[in-house]
Amino acid sequence: MDGVPFRLSGHSALRPSRRAVVVEGAGIDVRIIQRAFSPVLMEQDEQIGLWMWRSTGWELLEASDFAVMTACLFEWTGAMHFIQTPMIRQL
């Protein structure tokens, strides 16, 4: 994006702390992780976005271009399964 190479990856595991969708690159650290009842968007270890179940979309606060791109890619690729418990996927 804008000439900056990045990598999008998803991690799924039984432990909630190990599940995430991550965008990494030179100076880029954006993650979507599961917290309590809703996914959150983290940038540089600061929460900047929250998935709103009622409005079925993201509420982003002061998000960078990479954070917005991460939320869009998360939705477009259907990556929600990476942060859900693997047990739900088996039902």
PDB file of N, CA and C in Angstrom:
ATOM      1  N   MET A   1       0.850  -1.178   0.000  1.00  0.00           N
ATOM      2  CA  MET A   1       0.000   0.000   0.000  1.00  0.00           C
ATOM      3  C   MET A   1       0.886   1.229   0.000  1.00  0.00           C
ATOM      4  N   ASP A   2       0.668   2.121  -0.940  1.00  0.00           N
ATOM      5  CA  ASP A   2       1.502   3.321  -1.102  1.00  0.00           C
ATOM      6  C   ASP A   2       2.979   2.970  -1.206  1.00  0.00           C
ATOM      7  N   GLY A   3       3.293   1.840  -1.831  1.00  0.00           N
ATOM      8  CA  GLY A   3       4.681   1.429  -2.015  1.00  0.00           C
ATOM      9  C   GLY A   3       5.315   0.773  -0.811  1.00  0.00           C
ATOM     10  N   VAL A   4       4.573   0.567   0.266  1.00  0.00           N
ATOM     11  CA  VAL A   4       5.105  -0.074   1.470  1.00  0.00           C
ATOM     12  C   VAL A   4       4.672  -1.537   1.466  1.00  0.00           C
ATOM     13  N   PRO A   5       5.622  -2.469   1.416  1.00  0.00           N
ATOM     14  CA  PRO A   5       5.246  -3.883   1.436  1.00  0.00           C
ATOM     15  C   PRO A   5       4.716  -4.287   2.814  1.00  0.00           C
ATOM     16  N   PHE A   6       3.726  -5.164   2.811  1.00  0.00           N
ATOM     17  CA  PHE A   6       3.167  -5.644   4.067  1.00  0.00           C
ATOM     18  C   PHE A   6       2.754  -7.095   3.900  1.00  0.00           C
ATOM     19  N   ARG A   7       2.511  -7.755   5.030  1.00  0.00           N
ATOM     20  CA  ARG A   7       2.075  -9.139   5.021  1.00  0.00           C
ATOM     21  C   ARG A   7       0.827  -9.270   5.883  1.00  0.00           C
ATOM     22  N   LEU A   8      -0.200  -9.895   5.339  1.00  0.00           N
ATOM     23  CA  LEU A   8      -1.435 -10.171   6.065  1.00  0.00           C
ATOM     24  C   LEU A   8      -1.431 -11.648   6.421  1.00  0.00           C
ATOM     25  N   SER A   9      -1.608 -11.964   7.693  1.00  0.00           N
ATOM     26  CA  SER A   9      -1.631 -13.368   8.111  1.00  0.00           C
ATOM     27  C   SER A   9      -2.701 -13.573   9.175  1.00  0.00           C
ATOM     28  N   GLY A  10      -3.178 -14.791   9.256  1.00  0.00           N
ATOM     29  CA  GLY A  10      -4.167 -15.163  10.262  1.00  0.00           C
ATOM     30  C   GLY A  10      -3.652 -16.312  11.093  1.00  0.00           C
ATOM     31  N   HIS A  11      -3.914 -16.262  12.388  1.00  0.00           N
ATOM     32  CA  HIS A  11      -3.463 -17.299  13.313  1.00  0.00           C
ATOM     33  C   HIS A  11      -4.672 -17.822  14.067  1.00  0.00           C
ATOM     34  N   SER A  12      -4.862 -19.131  14.046  1.00  0.00           N
ATOM     35  CA  SER A  12      -5.979 -19.749  14.748  1.00  0.00           C
ATOM     36  C   SER A  12      -5.416 -20.741  15.764  1.00  0.00           C
ATOM     37  N   ALA A  13      -6.004 -20.787  16.946  1.00  0.00           N
ATOM     38  CA  ALA A  13      -5.535 -21.682  18.000  1.00  0.00           C
ATOM     39  C   ALA A  13      -6.651 -21.886  19.021  1.00  0.00           C
ATOM     40  N   LEU A  14      -6.468 -22.863  19.885  1.00  0.00           N
ATOM     41  CA  LEU A  14      -7.444 -23.083  20.949  1.00  0.00           C
ATOM     42  C   LEU A  14      -7.418 -21.945  21.962  1.00  0.00           C
ATOM     43  N   ARG A  15      -6.226 -21.474  22.302  1.00  0.00           N
ATOM     44  CA  ARG A  15      -6.108 -20.386  23.274  1.00  0.00           C
ATOM     45  C   ARG A  15      -6.475 -19.055  22.623  1.00  0.00           C
ATOM     46  N   PRO A  16      -7.405 -18.303  23.220  1.00  0.00           N
ATOM     47  CA  PRO A  16      -7.825 -17.020  22.633  1.00  0.00           C
ATOM     48  C   PRO A  16      -6.674 -16.039  22.447  1.00  0.00           C
ATOM     49  N   SER A  17      -5.689 -16.065  23.306  1.00  0.00           N
ATOM     50  CA  SER A  17      -4.579 -15.114  23.198  1.00  0.00           C
ATOM     51  C   SER A  17      -3.702 -15.388  21.978  1.00  0.00           C
ATOM     52  N   ARG A  18      -3.828 -16.539  21.373  1.00  0.00           N
ATOM     53  CA  ARG A  18      -3.023 -16.902  20.199  1.00  0.00           C
ATOM     54  C   ARG A  18      -3.758 -16.692  18.876  1.00  0.00           C
ATOM     55  N   ARG A  19      -5.033 -16.292  18.917  1.00  0.00           N
ATOM     56  CA  ARG A  19      -5.815 -16.090  17.693  1.00  0.00           C
ATOM     57  C   ARG A  19      -5.757 -14.619  17.289  1.00  0.00           C
ATOM     58  N   ALA A  20      -5.433 -14.371  16.009  1.00  0.00           N
ATOM     59  CA  ALA A  20      -5.331 -12.988  15.531  1.00  0.00           C
ATOM     60  C   ALA A  20      -5.266 -12.946  14.011  1.00  0.00           C
ATOM     61  N   VAL A  21      -5.601 -11.790  13.476  1.00  0.00           N
ATOM     62  CA  VAL A  21      -5.339 -11.440  12.082  1.00  0.00           C
ATOM     63  C   VAL A  21      -4.369 -10.268  12.152  1.00  0.00           C
ATOM     64  N   VAL A  22      -3.212 -10.402  11.470  1.00  0.00           N
ATOM     65  CA  VAL A  22      -2.114  -9.455  11.653  1.00  0.00           C
ATOM     66  C   VAL A  22      -1.670  -8.883  10.311  1.00  0.00           C
ATOM     67  N   VAL A  23      -1.429  -7.566  10.279  1.00  0.00           N
ATOM     68  CA  VAL A  23      -0.778  -6.910   9.148  1.00  0.00           C
ATOM     69  C   VAL A  23       0.551  -6.378   9.671  1.00  0.00           C
ATOM     70  N   GLU A  24       1.645  -6.854   9.062  1.00  0.00           N
ATOM     71  CA  GLU A  24       2.984  -6.463   9.495  1.00  0.00           C
ATOM     72  C   GLU A  24       3.777  -5.928   8.319  1.00  0.00           C
ATOM     73  N   GLY A  25       4.675  -5.036   8.598  1.00  0.00           N
ATOM     74  CA  GLY A  25       5.559  -4.470   7.589  1.00  0.00           C
ATOM     75  C   GLY A  25       6.505  -3.477   8.245  1.00  0.00           C
ATOM     76  N   ALA A  26       7.190  -2.707   7.423  1.00  0.00           N
ATOM     77  CA  ALA A  26       8.119  -1.698   7.938  1.00  0.00           C
ATOM     78  C   ALA A  26       7.331  -0.611   8.670  1.00  0.00           C
ATOM     79  N   GLY A  27       7.385  -0.619   9.988  1.00  0.00           N
ATOM     80  CA  GLY A  27       6.674   0.368  10.798  1.00  0.00           C
ATOM     81  C   GLY A  27       5.179   0.124  10.908  1.00  0.00           C
ATOM     82  N   ILE A  28       4.718  -1.060  10.498  1.00  0.00           N
ATOM     83  CA  ILE A  28       3.293  -1.384  10.518  1.00  0.00           C
ATOM     84  C   ILE A  28       3.064  -2.514  11.514  1.00  0.00           C
ATOM     85  N   ASP A  29       2.158  -2.315  12.438  1.00  0.00           N
ATOM     86  CA  ASP A  29       1.767  -3.362  13.387  1.00  0.00           C
ATOM     87  C   ASP A  29       0.287  -3.168  13.703  1.00  0.00           C
ATOM     88  N   VAL A  30      -0.562  -3.821  12.909  1.00  0.00           N
ATOM     89  CA  VAL A  30      -2.008  -3.741  13.085  1.00  0.00           C
ATOM     90  C   VAL A  30      -2.529  -5.150  13.294  1.00  0.00           C
ATOM     91  N   ARG A  31      -3.361  -5.331  14.328  1.00  0.00           N
ATOM     92  CA  ARG A  31      -3.896  -6.651  14.662  1.00  0.00           C
ATOM     93  C   ARG A  31      -5.384  -6.575  14.935  1.00  0.00           C
ATOM     94  N   ILE A  32      -6.067  -7.666  14.613  1.00  0.00           N
ATOM     95  CA  ILE A  32      -7.450  -7.842  15.029  1.00  0.00           C
ATOM     96  C   ILE A  32      -7.453  -9.062  15.925  1.00  0.00           C
ATOM     97  N   ILE A  33      -7.880  -8.861  17.165  1.00  0.00           N
ATOM     98  CA  ILE A  33      -7.906  -9.942  18.152  1.00  0.00           C
ATOM     99  C   ILE A  33      -9.284 -10.001  18.800  1.00  0.00           C
ATOM    100  N   GLN A  34      -9.563 -11.114  19.443  1.00  0.00           N
ATOM    101  CA  GLN A  34     -10.841 -11.283  20.137  1.00  0.00           C
ATOM    102  C   GLN A  34     -10.677 -10.833  21.583  1.00  0.00           C
ATOM    103  N   ARG A  35     -11.544  -9.950  22.031  1.00  0.00           N
ATOM    104  CA  ARG A  35     -11.573  -9.503  23.420  1.00  0.00           C
ATOM    105  C   ARG A  35     -12.983  -9.681  23.936  1.00  0.00           C
ATOM    106  N   ALA A  36     -13.146 -10.309  25.049  1.00  0.00           N
ATOM    107  CA  ALA A  36     -14.448 -10.524  25.684  1.00  0.00           C
ATOM    108  C   ALA A  36     -15.470 -11.024  24.672  1.00  0.00           C
ATOM    109  N   PHE A  37     -16.341 -10.156  24.203  1.00  0.00           N
ATOM    110  CA  PHE A  37     -17.424 -10.580  23.314  1.00  0.00           C
ATOM    111  C   PHE A  37     -17.299 -10.052  21.898  1.00  0.00           C
ATOM    112  N   SER A  38     -16.263  -9.298  21.592  1.00  0.00           N
ATOM    113  CA  SER A  38     -16.188  -8.653  20.291  1.00  0.00           C
ATOM    114  C   SER A  38     -14.748  -8.540  19.801  1.00  0.00           C
ATOM    115  N   PRO A  39     -14.531  -8.636  18.487  1.00  0.00           N
ATOM    116  CA  PRO A  39     -13.195  -8.392  17.945  1.00  0.00           C
ATOM    117  C   PRO A  39     -12.807  -6.925  18.097  1.00  0.00           C
ATOM    118  N   VAL A  40     -11.529  -6.679  18.325  1.00  0.00           N
ATOM    119  CA  VAL A  40     -11.030  -5.303  18.418  1.00  0.00           C
ATOM    120  C   VAL A  40      -9.852  -5.141  17.463  1.00  0.00           C
ATOM    121  N   LEU A  41      -9.667  -3.913  16.997  1.00  0.00           N
ATOM    122  CA  LEU A  41      -8.569  -3.566  16.106  1.00  0.00           C
ATOM    123  C   LEU A  41      -7.511  -2.848  16.929  1.00  0.00           C
ATOM    124  N   MET A  42      -6.301  -3.361  16.897  1.00  0.00           N
ATOM    125  CA  MET A  42      -5.194  -2.803  17.672  1.00  0.00           C
ATOM    126  C   MET A  42      -4.128  -2.283  16.715  1.00  0.00           C
ATOM    127  N   GLU A  43      -3.590  -1.105  17.031  1.00  0.00           N
ATOM    128  CA  GLU A  43      -2.467  -0.567  16.265  1.00  0.00           C
ATOM    129  C   GLU A  43      -1.412  -0.100  17.253  1.00  0.00           C
ATOM    130  N   GLN A  44      -0.218  -0.644  17.112  1.00  0.00           N
ATOM    131  CA  GLN A  44       0.884  -0.343  18.038  1.00  0.00           C
ATOM    132  C   GLN A  44       0.442  -0.575  19.481  1.00  0.00           C
ATOM    133  N   ASP A  45      -0.238  -1.683  19.745  1.00  0.00           N
ATOM    134  CA  ASP A  45      -0.726  -2.088  21.071  1.00  0.00           C
ATOM    135  C   ASP A  45      -1.740  -1.123  21.683  1.00  0.00           C
ATOM    136  N   GLU A  46      -2.423  -0.345  20.875  1.00  0.00           N
ATOM    137  CA  GLU A  46      -3.467   0.562  21.345  1.00  0.00           C
ATOM    138  C   GLU A  46      -4.765   0.236  20.609  1.00  0.00           C
ATOM    139  N   GLN A  47      -5.849   0.076  21.358  1.00  0.00           N
ATOM    140  CA  GLN A  47      -7.130  -0.250  20.743  1.00  0.00           C
ATOM    141  C   GLN A  47      -7.682   0.968  20.024  1.00  0.00           C
ATOM    142  N   ILE A  48      -7.942   0.810  18.707  1.00  0.00           N
ATOM    143  CA  ILE A  48      -8.462   1.928  17.921  1.00  0.00           C
ATOM    144  C   ILE A  48      -9.771   1.597  17.226  1.00  0.00           C
ATOM    145  N   GLY A  49     -10.228   0.361  17.355  1.00  0.00           N
ATOM    146  CA  GLY A  49     -11.468  -0.012  16.687  1.00  0.00           C
ATOM    147  C   GLY A  49     -12.163  -1.151  17.388  1.00  0.00           C
ATOM    148  N   LEU A  50     -13.475  -1.207  17.202  1.00  0.00           N
ATOM    149  CA  LEU A  50     -14.301  -2.233  17.830  1.00  0.00           C
ATOM    150  C   LEU A  50     -15.355  -2.691  16.840  1.00  0.00           C
ATOM    151  N   TRP A  51     -15.544  -4.013  16.748  1.00  0.00           N
ATOM    152  CA  TRP A  51     -16.591  -4.571  15.896  1.00  0.00           C
ATOM    153  C   TRP A  51     -17.910  -4.440  16.638  1.00  0.00           C
ATOM    154  N   MET A  52     -18.872  -3.786  16.025  1.00  0.00           N
ATOM    155  CA  MET A  52     -20.167  -3.565  16.654  1.00  0.00           C
ATOM    156  C   MET A  52     -21.163  -4.580  16.102  1.00  0.00           C
ATOM    157  N   TRP A  53     -21.636  -5.487  16.949  1.00  0.00           N
ATOM    158  CA  TRP A  53     -22.553  -6.536  16.511  1.00  0.00           C
ATOM    159  C   TRP A  53     -23.894  -5.973  16.064  1.00  0.00           C
ATOM    160  N   ARG A  54     -24.384  -4.946  16.745  1.00  0.00           N
ATOM    161  CA  ARG A  54     -25.700  -4.394  16.389  1.00  0.00           C
ATOM    162  C   ARG A  54     -25.694  -3.720  15.023  1.00  0.00           C
ATOM    163  N   SER A  55     -24.632  -3.018  14.716  1.00  0.00           N
ATOM    164  CA  SER A  55     -24.565  -2.331  13.429  1.00  0.00           C
ATOM    165  C   SER A  55     -23.838  -3.157  12.369  1.00  0.00           C
ATOM    166  N   THR A  56     -23.365  -4.326  12.765  1.00  0.00           N
ATOM    167  CA  THR A  56     -22.602  -5.237  11.897  1.00  0.00           C
ATOM    168  C   THR A  56     -21.514  -4.510  11.114  1.00  0.00           C
ATOM    169  N   GLY A  57     -20.679  -3.823  11.821  1.00  0.00           N
ATOM    170  CA  GLY A  57     -19.569  -3.136  11.188  1.00  0.00           C
ATOM    171  C   GLY A  57     -18.565  -2.641  12.212  1.00  0.00           C
ATOM    172  N   TRP A  58     -17.528  -2.023  11.720  1.00  0.00           N
ATOM    173  CA  TRP A  58     -16.461  -1.513  12.565  1.00  0.00           C
ATOM    174  C   TRP A  58     -16.726  -0.082  12.987  1.00  0.00           C
ATOM    175  N   GLU A  59     -16.350   0.221  14.214  1.00  0.00           N
ATOM    176  CA  GLU A  59     -16.325   1.590  14.715  1.00  0.00           C
ATOM    177  C   GLU A  59     -14.855   1.912  14.942  1.00  0.00           C
ATOM    178  N   LEU A  60     -14.286   2.748  14.082  1.00  0.00           N
ATOM    179  CA  LEU A  60     -12.858   3.054  14.135  1.00  0.00           C
ATOM    180  C   LEU A  60     -12.643   4.460  14.671  1.00  0.00           C
ATOM    181  N   LEU A  61     -11.685   4.588  15.589  1.00  0.00           N
ATOM    182  CA  LEU A  61     -11.353   5.880  16.184  1.00  0.00           C
ATOM    183  C   LEU A  61      -9.933   6.255  15.792  1.00  0.00           C
ATOM    184  N   GLU A  62      -9.763   7.348  15.078  1.00  0.00           N
ATOM    185  CA  GLU A  62      -8.442   7.845  14.682  1.00  0.00           C
ATOM    186  C   GLU A  62      -7.593   6.745  14.063  1.00  0.00           C
ATOM    187  N   ALA A  63      -8.150   6.058  13.093  1.00  0.00           N
ATOM    188  CA  ALA A  63      -7.465   4.936  12.459  1.00  0.00           C
ATOM    189  C   ALA A  63      -6.565   5.405  11.318  1.00  0.00           C
ATOM    190  N   SER A  64      -5.412   4.768  11.213  1.00  0.00           N
ATOM    191  CA  SER A  64      -4.508   5.046  10.101  1.00  0.00           C
ATOM    192  C   SER A  64      -5.028   4.346   8.849  1.00  0.00           C
ATOM    193  N   ASP A  65      -4.394   4.646   7.712  1.00  0.00           N
ATOM    194  CA  ASP A  65      -4.790   4.001   6.458  1.00  0.00           C
ATOM    195  C   ASP A  65      -4.615   2.481   6.542  1.00  0.00           C
ATOM    196  N   PHE A  66      -3.540   2.033   7.197  1.00  0.00           N
ATOM    197  CA  PHE A  66      -3.309   0.594   7.324  1.00  0.00           C
ATOM    198  C   PHE A  66      -4.362  -0.060   8.212  1.00  0.00           C
ATOM    199  N   ALA A  67      -4.817   0.627   9.244  1.00  0.00           N
ATOM    200  CA  ALA A  67      -5.864   0.080  10.112  1.00  0.00           C
ATOM    201  C   ALA A  67      -7.175  -0.064   9.355  1.00  0.00           C
ATOM    202  N   VAL A  68      -7.511   0.939   8.564  1.00  0.00           N
ATOM    203  CA  VAL A  68      -8.734   0.870   7.756  1.00  0.00           C
ATOM    204  C   VAL A  68      -8.611  -0.248   6.729  1.00  0.00           C
ATOM    205  N   MET A  69      -7.443  -0.360   6.076  1.00  0.00           N
ATOM    206  CA  MET A  69      -7.215  -1.423   5.111  1.00  0.00           C
ATOM    207  C   MET A  69      -7.333  -2.792   5.764  1.00  0.00           C
ATOM    208  N   THR A  70      -6.818  -2.934   6.988  1.00  0.00           N
ATOM    209  CA  THR A  70      -6.900  -4.204   7.706  1.00  0.00           C
ATOM    210  C   THR A  70      -8.347  -4.576   7.983  1.00  0.00           C
ATOM    211  N   ALA A  71      -9.146  -3.617   8.434  1.00  0.00           N
ATOM    212  CA  ALA A  71     -10.562  -3.886   8.688  1.00  0.00           C
ATOM    213  C   ALA A  71     -11.278  -4.278   7.396  1.00  0.00           C
ATOM    214  N   CYS A  72     -10.953  -3.615   6.297  1.00  0.00           N
ATOM    215  CA  CYS A  72     -11.576  -3.947   5.007  1.00  0.00           C
ATOM    216  C   CYS A  72     -11.168  -5.339   4.542  1.00  0.00           C
ATOM    217  N   LEU A  73      -9.881  -5.660   4.629  1.00  0.00           N
ATOM    218  CA  LEU A  73      -9.423  -6.989   4.231  1.00  0.00           C
ATOM    219  C   LEU A  73     -10.003  -8.072   5.128  1.00  0.00           C
ATOM    220  N   PHE A  74     -10.143  -7.776   6.409  1.00  0.00           N
ATOM    221  CA  PHE A  74     -10.731  -8.713   7.359  1.00  0.00           C
ATOM    222  C   PHE A  74     -12.149  -9.074   6.927  1.00  0.00           C
ATOM    223  N   GLU A  75     -12.921  -8.084   6.552  1.00  0.00           N
ATOM    224  CA  GLU A  75     -14.293  -8.315   6.107  1.00  0.00           C
ATOM    225  C   GLU A  75     -14.332  -9.004   4.742  1.00  0.00           C
ATOM    226  N   TRP A  76     -13.531  -8.524   3.819  1.00  0.00           N
ATOM    227  CA  TRP A  76     -13.549  -9.023   2.448  1.00  0.00           C
ATOM    228  C   TRP A  76     -13.114 -10.482   2.353  1.00  0.00           C
ATOM    229  N   THR A  77     -12.114 -10.861   3.147  1.00  0.00           N
ATOM    230  CA  THR A  77     -11.594 -12.229   3.087  1.00  0.00           C
ATOM    231  C   THR A  77     -12.364 -13.193   3.980  1.00  0.00           C
ATOM    232  N   GLY A  78     -13.256 -12.690   4.823  1.00  0.00           N
ATOM    233  CA  GLY A  78     -13.989 -13.567   5.741  1.00  0.00           C
ATOM    234  C   GLY A  78     -13.091 -14.153   6.817  1.00  0.00           C
ATOM    235  N   ALA A  79     -12.158 -13.373   7.300  1.00  0.00           N
ATOM    236  CA  ALA A  79     -11.155 -13.853   8.254  1.00  0.00           C
ATOM    237  C   ALA A  79     -11.666 -13.962   9.687  1.00  0.00           C
ATOM    238  N   MET A  80     -12.954 -13.760   9.912  1.00  0.00           N
ATOM    239  CA  MET A  80     -13.516 -13.873  11.259  1.00  0.00           C
ATOM    240  C   MET A  80     -13.254 -15.262  11.845  1.00  0.00           C
ATOM    241  N   HIS A  81     -13.170 -16.286  10.981  1.00  0.00           N
ATOM    242  CA  HIS A  81     -12.961 -17.638  11.492  1.00  0.00           C
ATOM    243  C   HIS A  81     -11.611 -17.813  12.178  1.00  0.00           C
ATOM    244  N   PHE A  82     -10.628 -16.949  11.870  1.00  0.00           N
ATOM    245  CA  PHE A  82      -9.330 -17.046  12.536  1.00  0.00           C
ATOM    246  C   PHE A  82      -9.415 -16.680  14.014  1.00  0.00           C
ATOM    247  N   ILE A  83     -10.306 -15.751  14.371  1.00  0.00           N
ATOM    248  CA  ILE A  83     -10.351 -15.323  15.765  1.00  0.00           C
ATOM    249  C   ILE A  83     -11.474 -15.974  16.556  1.00  0.00           C
ATOM    250  N   GLN A  84     -12.321 -16.751  15.884  1.00  0.00           N
ATOM    251  CA  GLN A  84     -13.332 -17.517  16.609  1.00  0.00           C
ATOM    252  C   GLN A  84     -12.704 -18.795  17.132  1.00  0.00           C
ATOM    253  N   THR A  85     -13.305 -19.354  18.171  1.00  0.00           N
ATOM    254  CA  THR A  85     -12.791 -20.605  18.702  1.00  0.00           C
ATOM    255  C   THR A  85     -12.931 -21.702  17.652  1.00  0.00           C
ATOM    256  N   PRO A  86     -11.936 -22.559  17.505  1.00  0.00           N
ATOM    257  CA  PRO A  86     -12.007 -23.634  16.525  1.00  0.00           C
ATOM    258  C   PRO A  86     -13.190 -24.588  16.767  1.00  0.00           C
ATOM    259  N   MET A  87     -13.669 -24.644  17.974  1.00  0.00           N
ATOM    260  CA  MET A  87     -14.805 -25.520  18.280  1.00  0.00           C
ATOM    261  C   MET A  87     -16.068 -25.063  17.559  1.00  0.00           C
ATOM    262  N   ILE A  88     -16.262 -23.748  17.408  1.00  0.00           N
ATOM    263  CA  ILE A  88     -17.445 -23.226  16.723  1.00  0.00           C
ATOM    264  C   ILE A  88     -17.399 -23.630  15.246  1.00  0.00           C
ATOM    265  N   ARG A  89     -16.210 -23.622  14.647  1.00  0.00           N
ATOM    266  CA  ARG A  89     -16.100 -23.984  13.230  1.00  0.00           C
ATOM    267  C   ARG A  89     -16.488 -25.427  12.977  1.00  0.00           C
ATOM    268  N   GLN A  90     -16.389 -26.300  13.996  1.00  0.00           N
ATOM    269  CA  GLN A  90     -16.699 -27.711  13.831  1.00  0.00           C
ATOM    270  C   GLN A  90     -18.187 -28.016  13.974  1.00  0.00           C
ATOM    271  N   LEU A  91     -18.958 -27.041  14.445  1.00  0.00           N
ATOM    272  CA  LEU A  91     -20.402 -27.271  14.639  1.00  0.00           C
ATOM    273  C   LEU A  91     -21.150 -27.212  13.341  1.00  0.00           C
TER     274      LEU A  91
END
